[in-house]
PDB file of all heavy atoms in Angstrom:
ATOM      1  N   GLU A   1       0.806  -1.201   0.052  1.00  0.00           N
ATOM      2  CA  GLU A   1       0.015  -0.033  -0.006  1.00  0.00           C
ATOM      3  C   GLU A   1       0.826   1.260   0.026  1.00  0.00           C
ATOM      4  O   GLU A   1       1.808   1.377   0.766  1.00  0.00           O
ATOM      5  CB  GLU A   1      -0.885  -0.030   1.235  1.00  0.00           C
ATOM      6  CG  GLU A   1      -1.974  -1.093   1.130  1.00  0.00           C
ATOM      7  CD  GLU A   1      -3.030  -0.964   2.247  1.00  0.00           C
ATOM      8  OE1 GLU A   1      -3.035   0.010   2.937  1.00  0.00           O
ATOM      9  OE2 GLU A   1      -3.843  -1.940   2.288  1.00  0.00           O
ATOM     10  N   GLY A   2       0.546   2.172  -0.820  1.00  0.00           N
ATOM     11  CA  GLY A   2       1.201   3.481  -0.991  1.00  0.00           C
ATOM     12  C   GLY A   2       2.451   3.425  -1.945  1.00  0.00           C
ATOM     13  O   GLY A   2       2.976   4.526  -2.185  1.00  0.00           O
ATOM     14  N   TRP A   3       2.925   2.312  -2.358  1.00  0.00           N
ATOM     15  CA  TRP A   3       4.027   2.248  -3.275  1.00  0.00           C
ATOM     16  C   TRP A   3       3.517   2.387  -4.780  1.00  0.00           C
ATOM     17  O   TRP A   3       2.514   1.781  -5.140  1.00  0.00           O
ATOM     18  CB  TRP A   3       4.771   0.915  -3.143  1.00  0.00           C
ATOM     19  CG  TRP A   3       6.062   0.931  -4.032  1.00  0.00           C
ATOM     20  CD1 TRP A   3       7.242   1.369  -3.544  1.00  0.00           C
ATOM     21  CD2 TRP A   3       6.269   0.483  -5.280  1.00  0.00           C
ATOM     22  NE1 TRP A   3       8.203   1.252  -4.508  1.00  0.00           N
ATOM     23  CE2 TRP A   3       7.700   0.693  -5.656  1.00  0.00           C
ATOM     24  CE3 TRP A   3       5.433  -0.145  -6.199  1.00  0.00           C
ATOM     25  CZ2 TRP A   3       8.225   0.292  -6.780  1.00  0.00           C
ATOM     26  CZ3 TRP A   3       5.972  -0.453  -7.489  1.00  0.00           C
ATOM     27  CH2 TRP A   3       7.342  -0.316  -7.780  1.00  0.00           C
ATOM     28  N   SER A   4       4.035   3.304  -5.537  1.00  0.00           N
ATOM     29  CA  SER A   4       3.618   3.656  -6.828  1.00  0.00           C
ATOM     30  C   SER A   4       4.727   4.163  -7.761  1.00  0.00           C
ATOM     31  O   SER A   4       5.673   4.727  -7.261  1.00  0.00           O
ATOM     32  CB  SER A   4       2.585   4.746  -6.750  1.00  0.00           C
ATOM     33  OG  SER A   4       2.160   5.112  -8.039  1.00  0.00           O
ATOM     34  N   THR A   5       4.616   3.829  -8.969  1.00  0.00           N
ATOM     35  CA  THR A   5       5.587   4.370  -9.955  1.00  0.00           C
ATOM     36  C   THR A   5       4.932   5.392 -10.845  1.00  0.00           C
ATOM     37  O   THR A   5       5.446   5.852 -11.905  1.00  0.00           O
ATOM     38  CB  THR A   5       6.066   3.098 -10.959  1.00  0.00           C
ATOM     39  OG1 THR A   5       4.960   2.586 -11.653  1.00  0.00           O
ATOM     40  CG2 THR A   5       6.785   2.086 -10.189  1.00  0.00           C
ATOM     41  N   ALA A   6       3.744   5.905 -10.423  1.00  0.00           N
ATOM     42  CA  ALA A   6       3.025   6.934 -11.218  1.00  0.00           C
ATOM     43  C   ALA A   6       3.945   8.261 -11.170  1.00  0.00           C
ATOM     44  O   ALA A   6       4.538   8.591 -10.194  1.00  0.00           O
ATOM     45  CB  ALA A   6       1.720   7.205 -10.525  1.00  0.00           C
ATOM     46  N   SER A   7       3.794   8.909 -12.325  1.00  0.00           N
ATOM     47  CA  SER A   7       4.464  10.143 -12.486  1.00  0.00           C
ATOM     48  C   SER A   7       3.903  11.237 -11.565  1.00  0.00           C
ATOM     49  O   SER A   7       2.803  11.193 -11.108  1.00  0.00           O
ATOM     50  CB  SER A   7       4.453  10.582 -13.908  1.00  0.00           C
ATOM     51  OG  SER A   7       3.150  10.995 -14.219  1.00  0.00           O
ATOM     52  N   SER A   8       4.610  12.399 -11.367  1.00  0.00           N
ATOM     53  CA  SER A   8       4.206  13.390 -10.544  1.00  0.00           C
ATOM     54  C   SER A   8       3.046  14.082 -11.085  1.00  0.00           C
ATOM     55  O   SER A   8       2.117  14.540 -10.440  1.00  0.00           O
ATOM     56  CB  SER A   8       5.210  14.395 -10.278  1.00  0.00           C
ATOM     57  OG  SER A   8       5.839  14.895 -11.526  1.00  0.00           O
ATOM     58  N   SER A   9       2.918  14.116 -12.521  1.00  0.00           N
ATOM     59  CA  SER A   9       1.766  14.751 -13.186  1.00  0.00           C
ATOM     60  C   SER A   9       0.499  13.911 -12.985  1.00  0.00           C
ATOM     61  O   SER A   9      -0.532  14.392 -12.747  1.00  0.00           O
ATOM     62  CB  SER A   9       2.033  14.952 -14.683  1.00  0.00           C
ATOM     63  OG  SER A   9       2.236  13.732 -15.325  1.00  0.00           O
ATOM     64  N   VAL A  10       0.629  12.479 -12.984  1.00  0.00           N
ATOM     65  CA  VAL A  10      -0.493  11.740 -12.635  1.00  0.00           C
ATOM     66  C   VAL A  10      -0.920  11.907 -11.201  1.00  0.00           C
ATOM     67  O   VAL A  10      -2.189  11.952 -10.939  1.00  0.00           O
ATOM     68  CB  VAL A  10      -0.115  10.284 -12.958  1.00  0.00           C
ATOM     69  CG1 VAL A  10      -1.155   9.248 -12.336  1.00  0.00           C
ATOM     70  CG2 VAL A  10      -0.020  10.062 -14.416  1.00  0.00           C
ATOM     71  N   ARG A  11       0.007  12.009 -10.276  1.00  0.00           N
ATOM     72  CA  ARG A  11      -0.362  12.185  -8.822  1.00  0.00           C
ATOM     73  C   ARG A  11      -0.951  13.549  -8.685  1.00  0.00           C
ATOM     74  O   ARG A  11      -1.895  13.698  -7.837  1.00  0.00           O
ATOM     75  CB  ARG A  11       0.895  12.079  -8.096  1.00  0.00           C
ATOM     76  CG  ARG A  11       1.463  10.646  -7.887  1.00  0.00           C
ATOM     77  CD  ARG A  11       2.761  10.580  -7.150  1.00  0.00           C
ATOM     78  NE  ARG A  11       3.268   9.264  -7.280  1.00  0.00           N
ATOM     79  CZ  ARG A  11       3.899   8.582  -6.329  1.00  0.00           C
ATOM     80  NH1 ARG A  11       4.030   9.184  -5.172  1.00  0.00           N
ATOM     81  NH2 ARG A  11       4.363   7.408  -6.507  1.00  0.00           N
ATOM     82  N   ALA A  12      -0.613  14.561  -9.407  1.00  0.00           N
ATOM     83  CA  ALA A  12      -1.267  15.876  -9.307  1.00  0.00           C
ATOM     84  C   ALA A  12      -2.639  15.821  -9.748  1.00  0.00           C
ATOM     85  O   ALA A  12      -3.434  16.654  -9.244  1.00  0.00           O
ATOM     86  CB  ALA A  12      -0.465  16.879 -10.226  1.00  0.00           C
ATOM     87  N   MET A  13      -2.987  14.844 -10.539  1.00  0.00           N
ATOM     88  CA  MET A  13      -4.439  14.700 -11.016  1.00  0.00           C
ATOM     89  C   MET A  13      -5.223  13.913  -9.922  1.00  0.00           C
ATOM     90  O   MET A  13      -6.434  13.767 -10.107  1.00  0.00           O
ATOM     91  CB  MET A  13      -4.485  14.017 -12.334  1.00  0.00           C
ATOM     92  CG  MET A  13      -4.098  14.877 -13.481  1.00  0.00           C
ATOM     93  SD  MET A  13      -4.405  14.060 -15.054  1.00  0.00           S
ATOM     94  CE  MET A  13      -3.170  12.820 -15.081  1.00  0.00           C
ATOM     95  N   GLY A  14      -4.654  13.361  -8.903  1.00  0.00           N
ATOM     96  CA  GLY A  14      -5.253  12.674  -7.875  1.00  0.00           C
ATOM     97  C   GLY A  14      -5.249  11.142  -8.035  1.00  0.00           C
ATOM     98  O   GLY A  14      -5.899  10.436  -7.337  1.00  0.00           O
ATOM     99  N   PHE A  15      -4.421  10.715  -9.033  1.00  0.00           N
ATOM    100  CA  PHE A  15      -4.255   9.219  -9.233  1.00  0.00           C
ATOM    101  C   PHE A  15      -2.856   8.771  -8.731  1.00  0.00           C
ATOM    102  O   PHE A  15      -2.051   9.649  -8.465  1.00  0.00           O
ATOM    103  CB  PHE A  15      -4.429   8.916 -10.652  1.00  0.00           C
ATOM    104  CG  PHE A  15      -5.762   9.359 -11.238  1.00  0.00           C
ATOM    105  CD1 PHE A  15      -5.942  10.395 -12.001  1.00  0.00           C
ATOM    106  CD2 PHE A  15      -6.912   8.531 -11.028  1.00  0.00           C
ATOM    107  CE1 PHE A  15      -7.124  10.777 -12.515  1.00  0.00           C
ATOM    108  CE2 PHE A  15      -8.072   8.806 -11.514  1.00  0.00           C
ATOM    109  CZ  PHE A  15      -8.235  10.106 -12.351  1.00  0.00           C
ATOM    110  N   GLY A  16      -2.686   7.517  -8.792  1.00  0.00           N
ATOM    111  CA  GLY A  16      -1.311   7.006  -8.483  1.00  0.00           C
ATOM    112  C   GLY A  16      -0.924   6.908  -6.990  1.00  0.00           C
ATOM    113  O   GLY A  16       0.235   7.052  -6.699  1.00  0.00           O
ATOM    114  N   ALA A  17      -1.860   6.780  -6.167  1.00  0.00           N
ATOM    115  CA  ALA A  17      -1.618   6.752  -4.727  1.00  0.00           C
ATOM    116  C   ALA A  17      -1.050   5.424  -4.231  1.00  0.00           C
ATOM    117  O   ALA A  17      -0.698   5.221  -3.119  1.00  0.00           O
ATOM    118  CB  ALA A  17      -2.853   7.107  -3.884  1.00  0.00           C
ATOM    119  N   GLY A  18      -0.908   4.378  -5.081  1.00  0.00           N
ATOM    120  CA  GLY A  18      -0.344   3.097  -4.701  1.00  0.00           C
ATOM    121  C   GLY A  18      -1.368   2.252  -3.959  1.00  0.00           C
ATOM    122  O   GLY A  18      -0.972   1.386  -3.188  1.00  0.00           O
ATOM    123  N   MET A  19      -2.610   2.471  -4.283  1.00  0.00           N
ATOM    124  CA  MET A  19      -3.643   1.622  -3.609  1.00  0.00           C
ATOM    125  C   MET A  19      -4.344   0.708  -4.646  1.00  0.00           C
ATOM    126  O   MET A  19      -5.193  -0.120  -4.207  1.00  0.00           O
ATOM    127  CB  MET A  19      -4.716   2.500  -2.927  1.00  0.00           C
ATOM    128  CG  MET A  19      -4.056   3.232  -1.769  1.00  0.00           C
ATOM    129  SD  MET A  19      -3.299   2.260  -0.517  1.00  0.00           S
ATOM    130  CE  MET A  19      -4.704   1.330   0.098  1.00  0.00           C
ATOM    131  N   GLY A  20      -4.070   0.816  -5.949  1.00  0.00           N
ATOM    132  CA  GLY A  20      -4.848   0.043  -6.948  1.00  0.00           C
ATOM    133  C   GLY A  20      -4.709  -1.386  -6.735  1.00  0.00           C
ATOM    134  O   GLY A  20      -5.870  -2.123  -6.498  1.00  0.00           O
ATOM    135  N   LEU A  21      -3.643  -2.090  -6.844  1.00  0.00           N
ATOM    136  CA  LEU A  21      -3.474  -3.471  -6.602  1.00  0.00           C
ATOM    137  C   LEU A  21      -3.878  -3.960  -5.209  1.00  0.00           C
ATOM    138  O   LEU A  21      -4.590  -5.006  -5.121  1.00  0.00           O
ATOM    139  CB  LEU A  21      -2.035  -3.968  -6.881  1.00  0.00           C
ATOM    140  CG  LEU A  21      -1.672  -4.005  -8.448  1.00  0.00           C
ATOM    141  CD1 LEU A  21      -0.224  -4.291  -8.561  1.00  0.00           C
ATOM    142  CD2 LEU A  21      -2.527  -4.935  -9.206  1.00  0.00           C
ATOM    143  N   PRO A  22      -3.489  -3.255  -4.138  1.00  0.00           N
ATOM    144  CA  PRO A  22      -3.997  -3.673  -2.858  1.00  0.00           C
ATOM    145  C   PRO A  22      -5.529  -3.662  -2.656  1.00  0.00           C
ATOM    146  O   PRO A  22      -6.142  -4.609  -2.134  1.00  0.00           O
ATOM    147  CB  PRO A  22      -3.335  -2.675  -1.841  1.00  0.00           C
ATOM    148  CG  PRO A  22      -2.032  -2.303  -2.504  1.00  0.00           C
ATOM    149  CD  PRO A  22      -2.435  -2.256  -4.001  1.00  0.00           C
ATOM    150  N   ASN A  23      -6.182  -2.613  -3.326  1.00  0.00           N
ATOM    151  CA  ASN A  23      -7.632  -2.617  -3.254  1.00  0.00           C
ATOM    152  C   ASN A  23      -8.218  -3.681  -4.142  1.00  0.00           C
ATOM    153  O   ASN A  23      -9.349  -4.219  -3.736  1.00  0.00           O
ATOM    154  CB  ASN A  23      -8.185  -1.172  -3.732  1.00  0.00           C
ATOM    155  CG  ASN A  23      -8.083  -0.114  -2.693  1.00  0.00           C
ATOM    156  OD1 ASN A  23      -8.050  -0.464  -1.508  1.00  0.00           O
ATOM    157  ND2 ASN A  23      -8.006   1.090  -3.073  1.00  0.00           N
ATOM    158  N   MET A  24      -7.647  -4.035  -5.270  1.00  0.00           N
ATOM    159  CA  MET A  24      -8.107  -5.149  -6.052  1.00  0.00           C
ATOM    160  C   MET A  24      -8.008  -6.406  -5.302  1.00  0.00           C
ATOM    161  O   MET A  24      -9.011  -7.248  -5.208  1.00  0.00           O
ATOM    162  CB  MET A  24      -7.348  -5.247  -7.367  1.00  0.00           C
ATOM    163  CG  MET A  24      -7.545  -4.091  -8.239  1.00  0.00           C
ATOM    164  SD  MET A  24      -6.161  -3.700  -9.458  1.00  0.00           S
ATOM    165  CE  MET A  24      -6.444  -5.137 -10.542  1.00  0.00           C
ATOM    166  N   LYS A  25      -6.951  -6.758  -4.654  1.00  0.00           N
ATOM    167  CA  LYS A  25      -6.776  -7.899  -3.872  1.00  0.00           C
ATOM    168  C   LYS A  25      -7.719  -7.980  -2.680  1.00  0.00           C
ATOM    169  O   LYS A  25      -8.326  -8.998  -2.415  1.00  0.00           O
ATOM    170  CB  LYS A  25      -5.409  -8.005  -3.267  1.00  0.00           C
ATOM    171  CG  LYS A  25      -5.124  -9.324  -2.674  1.00  0.00           C
ATOM    172  CD  LYS A  25      -3.597  -9.506  -2.382  1.00  0.00           C
ATOM    173  CE  LYS A  25      -3.313 -10.724  -1.486  1.00  0.00           C
ATOM    174  NZ  LYS A  25      -3.633 -12.006  -2.224  1.00  0.00           N
ATOM    175  N   ARG A  26      -8.011  -6.889  -2.045  1.00  0.00           N
ATOM    176  CA  ARG A  26      -8.878  -6.749  -0.879  1.00  0.00           C
ATOM    177  C   ARG A  26     -10.332  -7.069  -1.293  1.00  0.00           C
ATOM    178  O   ARG A  26     -11.080  -7.638  -0.482  1.00  0.00           O
ATOM    179  CB  ARG A  26      -8.782  -5.397  -0.241  1.00  0.00           C
ATOM    180  CG  ARG A  26      -9.511  -5.174   1.072  1.00  0.00           C
ATOM    181  CD  ARG A  26      -9.238  -3.806   1.723  1.00  0.00           C
ATOM    182  NE  ARG A  26      -8.461  -2.809   1.067  1.00  0.00           N
ATOM    183  CZ  ARG A  26      -7.177  -2.661   1.205  1.00  0.00           C
ATOM    184  NH1 ARG A  26      -6.464  -3.411   2.019  1.00  0.00           N
ATOM    185  NH2 ARG A  26      -6.506  -1.685   0.597  1.00  0.00           N
ATOM    186  N   ASN A  27     -10.735  -6.671  -2.424  1.00  0.00           N
ATOM    187  CA  ASN A  27     -12.081  -6.898  -2.935  1.00  0.00           C
ATOM    188  C   ASN A  27     -12.330  -8.111  -3.713  1.00  0.00           C
ATOM    189  O   ASN A  27     -13.551  -8.479  -3.823  1.00  0.00           O
ATOM    190  CB  ASN A  27     -12.561  -5.574  -3.681  1.00  0.00           C
ATOM    191  CG  ASN A  27     -12.883  -4.469  -2.783  1.00  0.00           C
ATOM    192  OD1 ASN A  27     -13.911  -4.367  -2.156  1.00  0.00           O
ATOM    193  ND2 ASN A  27     -11.915  -3.508  -2.651  1.00  0.00           N
ATOM    194  N   ALA A  28     -11.377  -8.754  -4.166  1.00  0.00           N
ATOM    195  CA  ALA A  28     -11.558 -10.094  -4.907  1.00  0.00           C
ATOM    196  C   ALA A  28     -11.409 -11.212  -3.962  1.00  0.00           C
ATOM    197  O   ALA A  28     -10.752 -11.032  -2.941  1.00  0.00           O
ATOM    198  CB  ALA A  28     -10.535 -10.105  -6.069  1.00  0.00           C
ATOM    199  N   ASP A  29     -12.049 -12.300  -4.312  1.00  0.00           N
ATOM    200  CA  ASP A  29     -11.857 -13.562  -3.489  1.00  0.00           C
ATOM    201  C   ASP A  29     -10.594 -14.229  -3.855  1.00  0.00           C
ATOM    202  O   ASP A  29      -9.885 -14.829  -3.054  1.00  0.00           O
ATOM    203  CB  ASP A  29     -13.075 -14.466  -3.697  1.00  0.00           C
ATOM    204  CG  ASP A  29     -14.342 -13.897  -3.068  1.00  0.00           C
ATOM    205  OD1 ASP A  29     -14.257 -13.504  -1.893  1.00  0.00           O
ATOM    206  OD2 ASP A  29     -15.316 -13.888  -3.766  1.00  0.00           O
ATOM    207  N   GLU A  30     -10.178 -14.078  -5.145  1.00  0.00           N
ATOM    208  CA  GLU A  30      -8.944 -14.568  -5.672  1.00  0.00           C
ATOM    209  C   GLU A  30      -8.413 -13.598  -6.791  1.00  0.00           C
ATOM    210  O   GLU A  30      -9.129 -12.977  -7.396  1.00  0.00           O
ATOM    211  CB  GLU A  30      -9.162 -15.925  -6.468  1.00  0.00           C
ATOM    212  CG  GLU A  30      -9.747 -17.020  -5.604  1.00  0.00           C
ATOM    213  CD  GLU A  30     -10.031 -18.260  -6.421  1.00  0.00           C
ATOM    214  OE1 GLU A  30      -9.731 -18.398  -7.639  1.00  0.00           O
ATOM    215  OE2 GLU A  30     -10.702 -19.178  -5.869  1.00  0.00           O
TER     216      GLU A  30
END
């Protein structure tokens, strides 16, 4: 959680917080 390779411009738009894969895993059964 929180680790991301998103660019600073992507982060400035509010994306790339490093929660994508962890949130996917948390909400999927597999």
